[in-house]
Amino acid sequence: MAASKRKDPEYQQVSGYVPKTLALKFKGFCTMEELEISEVMTELIAQWVEQRDPKPATSKGK
């Protein structure tokens, strides 16, 4: 699915650096719960943005 999102003009890559221990835990929980990292990141970023801007954003990844 990542390859199709990579080519989809409605998606954009977001990246950043977090402490290694946090990254490993995050990846581990995503794996254990059989979740795509992108899906979890989309949900968490949407929650963070909504707290700051209550106007609804497009929910293209949901």
N, C-alpha and C. Protein backbone atom coordinates (compact mmCIF):
# COMPACT_ATOMS: atom_id res chain seq x y z
N MET A 1 0.82 -1.20 0.00
CA MET A 1 0.00 0.00 0.00
C MET A 1 0.86 1.25 0.00
N ALA A 2 2.03 1.20 0.62
CA ALA A 2 2.88 2.37 0.69
C ALA A 2 3.29 2.86 -0.68
N ALA A 3 3.55 1.93 -1.60
CA ALA A 3 3.97 2.32 -2.94
C ALA A 3 2.85 3.11 -3.64
N SER A 4 1.60 2.70 -3.47
CA SER A 4 0.50 3.42 -4.10
C SER A 4 0.32 4.79 -3.47
N LYS A 5 0.52 4.92 -2.17
CA LYS A 5 0.44 6.22 -1.53
C LYS A 5 1.59 7.11 -1.98
N ARG A 6 2.74 6.52 -2.20
CA ARG A 6 3.90 7.28 -2.64
C ARG A 6 3.63 7.96 -3.97
N LYS A 7 2.87 7.31 -4.84
CA LYS A 7 2.56 7.86 -6.16
C LYS A 7 1.28 8.69 -6.18
N ASP A 8 0.50 8.61 -5.12
CA ASP A 8 -0.78 9.31 -5.04
C ASP A 8 -0.55 10.79 -4.72
N PRO A 9 -1.01 11.70 -5.59
CA PRO A 9 -0.80 13.13 -5.34
C PRO A 9 -1.55 13.67 -4.13
N GLU A 10 -2.47 12.88 -3.59
CA GLU A 10 -3.23 13.30 -2.41
C GLU A 10 -2.46 13.01 -1.11
N TYR A 11 -1.30 12.39 -1.21
CA TYR A 11 -0.49 12.06 -0.04
C TYR A 11 0.86 12.76 -0.12
N GLN A 12 1.41 13.06 1.04
CA GLN A 12 2.73 13.66 1.12
C GLN A 12 3.49 13.00 2.27
N GLN A 13 4.77 12.76 2.06
CA GLN A 13 5.59 12.14 3.08
C GLN A 13 5.95 13.16 4.16
N VAL A 14 5.90 12.73 5.41
CA VAL A 14 6.29 13.54 6.56
C VAL A 14 7.32 12.73 7.33
N SER A 15 8.41 13.37 7.71
CA SER A 15 9.42 12.63 8.48
C SER A 15 10.03 13.53 9.54
N GLY A 16 10.65 12.90 10.49
CA GLY A 16 11.30 13.64 11.56
C GLY A 16 12.14 12.68 12.39
N TYR A 17 12.90 13.22 13.30
CA TYR A 17 13.77 12.41 14.15
C TYR A 17 13.21 12.37 15.56
N VAL A 18 13.11 11.16 16.09
CA VAL A 18 12.69 10.94 17.46
C VAL A 18 13.73 10.05 18.12
N PRO A 19 13.77 10.04 19.45
CA PRO A 19 14.74 9.17 20.12
C PRO A 19 14.58 7.71 19.68
N LYS A 20 15.70 7.03 19.54
CA LYS A 20 15.71 5.66 19.03
C LYS A 20 14.82 4.73 19.86
N THR A 21 14.87 4.86 21.19
CA THR A 21 14.06 3.97 22.03
C THR A 21 12.56 4.17 21.76
N LEU A 22 12.16 5.42 21.55
CA LEU A 22 10.75 5.70 21.25
C LEU A 22 10.37 5.13 19.89
N ALA A 23 11.23 5.30 18.90
CA ALA A 23 10.96 4.77 17.56
C ALA A 23 10.82 3.26 17.59
N LEU A 24 11.71 2.59 18.31
CA LEU A 24 11.65 1.13 18.38
C LEU A 24 10.39 0.65 19.07
N LYS A 25 9.99 1.32 20.14
CA LYS A 25 8.75 0.95 20.84
C LYS A 25 7.55 1.17 19.93
N PHE A 26 7.53 2.31 19.25
CA PHE A 26 6.42 2.63 18.35
C PHE A 26 6.29 1.58 17.26
N LYS A 27 7.39 1.25 16.61
CA LYS A 27 7.38 0.24 15.56
C LYS A 27 6.96 -1.12 16.12
N GLY A 28 7.43 -1.43 17.32
CA GLY A 28 7.07 -2.71 17.94
C GLY A 28 5.59 -2.82 18.22
N PHE A 29 5.00 -1.76 18.77
CA PHE A 29 3.56 -1.78 19.05
C PHE A 29 2.75 -1.86 17.76
N CYS A 30 3.18 -1.12 16.74
CA CYS A 30 2.48 -1.19 15.45
C CYS A 30 2.52 -2.61 14.91
N THR A 31 3.67 -3.25 15.01
CA THR A 31 3.81 -4.63 14.54
C THR A 31 2.94 -5.58 15.34
N MET A 32 2.98 -5.48 16.66
CA MET A 32 2.19 -6.37 17.52
C MET A 32 0.69 -6.21 17.25
N GLU A 33 0.26 -4.99 16.98
CA GLU A 33 -1.16 -4.74 16.75
C GLU A 33 -1.53 -4.82 15.27
N GLU A 34 -0.56 -5.22 14.44
CA GLU A 34 -0.76 -5.37 13.00
C GLU A 34 -1.33 -4.10 12.38
N LEU A 35 -0.73 -2.97 12.72
CA LEU A 35 -1.14 -1.67 12.20
C LEU A 35 -0.04 -1.10 11.31
N GLU A 36 -0.44 -0.39 10.28
CA GLU A 36 0.52 0.29 9.43
C GLU A 36 1.00 1.55 10.15
N ILE A 37 2.29 1.79 10.13
CA ILE A 37 2.85 2.97 10.78
C ILE A 37 2.19 4.24 10.23
N SER A 38 2.00 4.30 8.93
CA SER A 38 1.38 5.48 8.31
C SER A 38 -0.02 5.73 8.83
N GLU A 39 -0.78 4.67 9.06
CA GLU A 39 -2.15 4.83 9.56
C GLU A 39 -2.13 5.42 10.97
N VAL A 40 -1.24 4.91 11.82
CA VAL A 40 -1.16 5.40 13.20
C VAL A 40 -0.68 6.86 13.19
N MET A 41 0.33 7.15 12.38
CA MET A 41 0.82 8.53 12.30
C MET A 41 -0.26 9.48 11.81
N THR A 42 -1.04 9.05 10.83
CA THR A 42 -2.13 9.89 10.32
C THR A 42 -3.13 10.19 11.42
N GLU A 43 -3.50 9.17 12.17
CA GLU A 43 -4.47 9.35 13.26
C GLU A 43 -3.93 10.29 14.33
N LEU A 44 -2.69 10.08 14.74
CA LEU A 44 -2.10 10.90 15.80
C LEU A 44 -1.88 12.34 15.35
N ILE A 45 -1.43 12.53 14.13
CA ILE A 45 -1.23 13.90 13.62
C ILE A 45 -2.57 14.61 13.48
N ALA A 46 -3.59 13.89 13.02
CA ALA A 46 -4.93 14.49 12.89
C ALA A 46 -5.46 14.93 14.26
N GLN A 47 -5.26 14.11 15.29
CA GLN A 47 -5.69 14.49 16.64
C GLN A 47 -4.95 15.73 17.11
N TRP A 48 -3.65 15.78 16.87
CA TRP A 48 -2.82 16.91 17.30
C TRP A 48 -3.25 18.19 16.60
N VAL A 49 -3.51 18.11 15.29
CA VAL A 49 -3.94 19.28 14.52
C VAL A 49 -5.32 19.73 14.98
N GLU A 50 -6.22 18.78 15.20
CA GLU A 50 -7.58 19.10 15.62
C GLU A 50 -7.60 19.85 16.95
N GLN A 51 -6.69 19.52 17.85
CA GLN A 51 -6.62 20.21 19.14
C GLN A 51 -6.25 21.68 18.94
N ARG A 52 -5.54 21.98 17.87
CA ARG A 52 -5.09 23.33 17.62
C ARG A 52 -5.98 24.08 16.65
N ASP A 53 -6.69 23.36 15.77
CA ASP A 53 -7.53 23.95 14.76
C ASP A 53 -8.79 23.10 14.62
N PRO A 54 -9.85 23.45 15.34
CA PRO A 54 -11.05 22.61 15.37
C PRO A 54 -11.80 22.52 14.04
N LYS A 55 -11.43 23.33 13.03
CA LYS A 55 -12.08 23.22 11.72
C LYS A 55 -11.74 21.86 11.12
N PRO A 56 -12.72 21.15 10.59
CA PRO A 56 -12.45 19.81 10.05
C PRO A 56 -11.48 19.87 8.88
N ALA A 57 -10.52 18.96 8.90
CA ALA A 57 -9.57 18.81 7.80
C ALA A 57 -10.05 17.68 6.92
N THR A 58 -9.54 17.61 5.71
CA THR A 58 -9.92 16.48 4.85
C THR A 58 -9.42 15.20 5.47
N SER A 59 -10.22 14.18 5.43
CA SER A 59 -9.87 12.91 6.04
C SER A 59 -9.54 11.90 4.97
N LYS A 60 -8.69 12.28 4.04
CA LYS A 60 -8.33 11.39 2.94
C LYS A 60 -7.61 10.18 3.41
N GLY A 61 -7.04 9.91 4.43
CA GLY A 61 -6.35 8.67 4.73
C GLY A 61 -7.16 7.74 5.58
N LYS A 62 -8.40 8.09 5.89
CA LYS A 62 -9.20 7.28 6.79
C LYS A 62 -10.18 6.44 6.08
